Amino acid sequence: MTNLHKRAEGEKLLLAEFYLSWCGACRAMHDILDRFRRLAGGQVEVATFDIEAPENYSLVQEYSIVSAPTLVLFRGETVLWRGSGVVSVDYLMGVVGRALRASGE
């Protein structure tokens, strides 16, 4: 079981970012995710995974990650949303809000 699978257990939302350390868009997304963490107030756990790290190879294959940054929102092992590129904090808050409303929270 990978770190992502362990963290995605249960009912809490998990937003995973797949990134490259040398990618400018990924660095911009890190700053956006820091702000998102504060605004989300614990409703969503955020995890980051370096695409080039050997320990993440199986995840990159499993989720067919072909661009960076790629964001995947999970509830348990179910993928609720997936997007690539830089997105705004407001956009992420909207994605999470829709996921929470769909589950009745």
Protein backbone atom coordinates (compact mmCIF):
# COMPACT_ATOMS: atom_id res chain seq x y z
CA MET A 1 0.00 0.00 0.00
CA THR A 2 1.43 3.39 -1.00
CA ASN A 3 1.49 6.54 1.10
CA LEU A 4 -1.31 7.95 -1.09
CA HIS A 5 -3.50 4.91 -0.53
CA LYS A 6 -2.94 5.05 3.22
CA ARG A 7 -3.79 8.76 3.33
CA ALA A 8 -6.88 8.35 1.13
CA GLU A 9 -8.53 5.81 3.44
CA GLY A 10 -11.71 6.98 5.10
CA GLU A 11 -14.19 9.65 4.18
CA LYS A 12 -12.03 12.80 4.32
CA LEU A 13 -11.21 14.41 0.99
CA LEU A 14 -7.60 14.19 -0.21
CA LEU A 15 -6.18 16.46 -2.90
CA ALA A 16 -3.04 14.95 -4.42
CA GLU A 17 -0.66 17.06 -6.49
CA PHE A 18 1.72 15.28 -8.85
CA TYR A 19 4.60 17.63 -9.68
CA LEU A 20 8.13 17.96 -11.06
CA SER A 21 10.73 19.74 -8.94
CA TRP A 22 12.08 21.75 -11.88
CA CYS A 23 8.63 22.78 -13.23
CA GLY A 24 7.78 26.50 -12.92
CA ALA A 25 4.03 25.87 -13.06
CA CYS A 26 4.42 23.28 -10.30
CA ARG A 27 6.24 25.77 -8.08
CA ALA A 28 3.42 28.26 -8.66
CA MET A 29 0.90 25.56 -7.77
CA HIS A 30 2.73 24.87 -4.47
CA ASP A 31 2.08 28.47 -3.40
CA ILE A 32 -1.58 28.17 -4.42
CA LEU A 33 -1.92 24.90 -2.48
CA ASP A 34 -0.42 26.51 0.64
CA ARG A 35 -3.14 29.17 0.48
CA PHE A 36 -5.78 26.54 -0.30
CA ARG A 37 -4.79 24.53 2.82
CA ARG A 38 -5.41 27.56 5.02
CA LEU A 39 -8.75 28.40 3.40
CA ALA A 40 -10.03 24.81 3.32
CA GLY A 41 -9.80 24.70 7.12
CA GLY A 42 -9.09 21.00 7.47
CA GLN A 43 -11.88 19.82 5.17
CA VAL A 44 -9.29 18.55 2.71
CA GLU A 45 -5.90 16.94 3.23
CA VAL A 46 -3.30 17.96 0.64
CA ALA A 47 -0.49 15.62 -0.39
CA THR A 48 2.26 16.18 -2.95
CA PHE A 49 4.10 13.55 -4.98
CA ASP A 50 7.21 14.12 -7.10
CA ILE A 51 6.62 12.40 -10.45
CA GLU A 52 10.33 11.61 -10.84
CA ALA A 53 10.79 10.05 -7.38
CA PRO A 54 11.25 6.27 -7.68
CA GLU A 55 8.90 5.64 -4.74
CA ASN A 56 6.07 7.36 -6.67
CA TYR A 57 6.52 5.49 -9.96
CA SER A 58 3.65 3.07 -9.29
CA LEU A 59 1.27 5.97 -8.52
CA VAL A 60 2.28 7.81 -11.69
CA GLN A 61 1.49 4.65 -13.66
CA GLU A 62 -1.71 3.83 -11.78
CA TYR A 63 -3.21 7.28 -12.32
CA SER A 64 -1.73 7.78 -15.82
CA ILE A 65 0.06 11.00 -14.90
CA VAL A 66 1.45 12.50 -18.11
CA SER A 67 1.68 16.21 -17.29
CA ALA A 68 2.64 18.40 -14.39
CA PRO A 69 1.17 19.68 -12.27
CA THR A 70 -1.70 17.21 -12.13
CA LEU A 71 -4.23 17.42 -9.29
CA VAL A 72 -6.48 14.54 -8.25
CA LEU A 73 -9.23 14.81 -5.62
CA PHE A 74 -10.06 11.58 -3.80
CA ARG A 75 -12.65 10.38 -1.31
CA GLY A 76 -11.30 7.06 -0.18
CA GLU A 77 -9.94 5.41 -3.31
CA THR A 78 -12.55 7.06 -5.55
CA VAL A 79 -11.35 9.82 -7.88
CA LEU A 80 -13.85 12.69 -7.67
CA TRP A 81 -12.03 15.19 -9.89
CA ARG A 82 -8.83 15.50 -11.87
CA GLY A 83 -7.17 18.48 -13.52
CA SER A 84 -3.84 19.52 -14.97
CA GLY A 85 -2.04 22.84 -15.02
CA VAL A 86 -2.21 25.79 -12.67
CA VAL A 87 -5.65 26.44 -11.18
CA SER A 88 -6.71 29.16 -8.76
CA VAL A 89 -7.56 28.82 -5.10
CA ASP A 90 -11.13 29.86 -5.92
CA TYR A 91 -11.40 27.14 -8.54
CA LEU A 92 -10.14 24.50 -6.07
CA MET A 93 -12.57 25.73 -3.41
CA GLY A 94 -15.38 25.31 -5.96
CA VAL A 95 -14.28 21.76 -6.80
CA VAL A 96 -14.20 20.84 -3.11
CA GLY A 97 -17.54 22.55 -2.44
CA ARG A 98 -19.20 20.55 -5.23
CA ALA A 99 -17.67 17.32 -3.90
CA LEU A 100 -18.91 18.04 -0.39
CA ARG A 101 -22.42 18.97 -1.60
CA ALA A 102 -22.59 15.81 -3.72
CA SER A 103 -21.88 13.74 -0.62
CA GLY A 104 -24.39 15.65 1.48
CA GLU A 105 -21.89 17.44 3.73
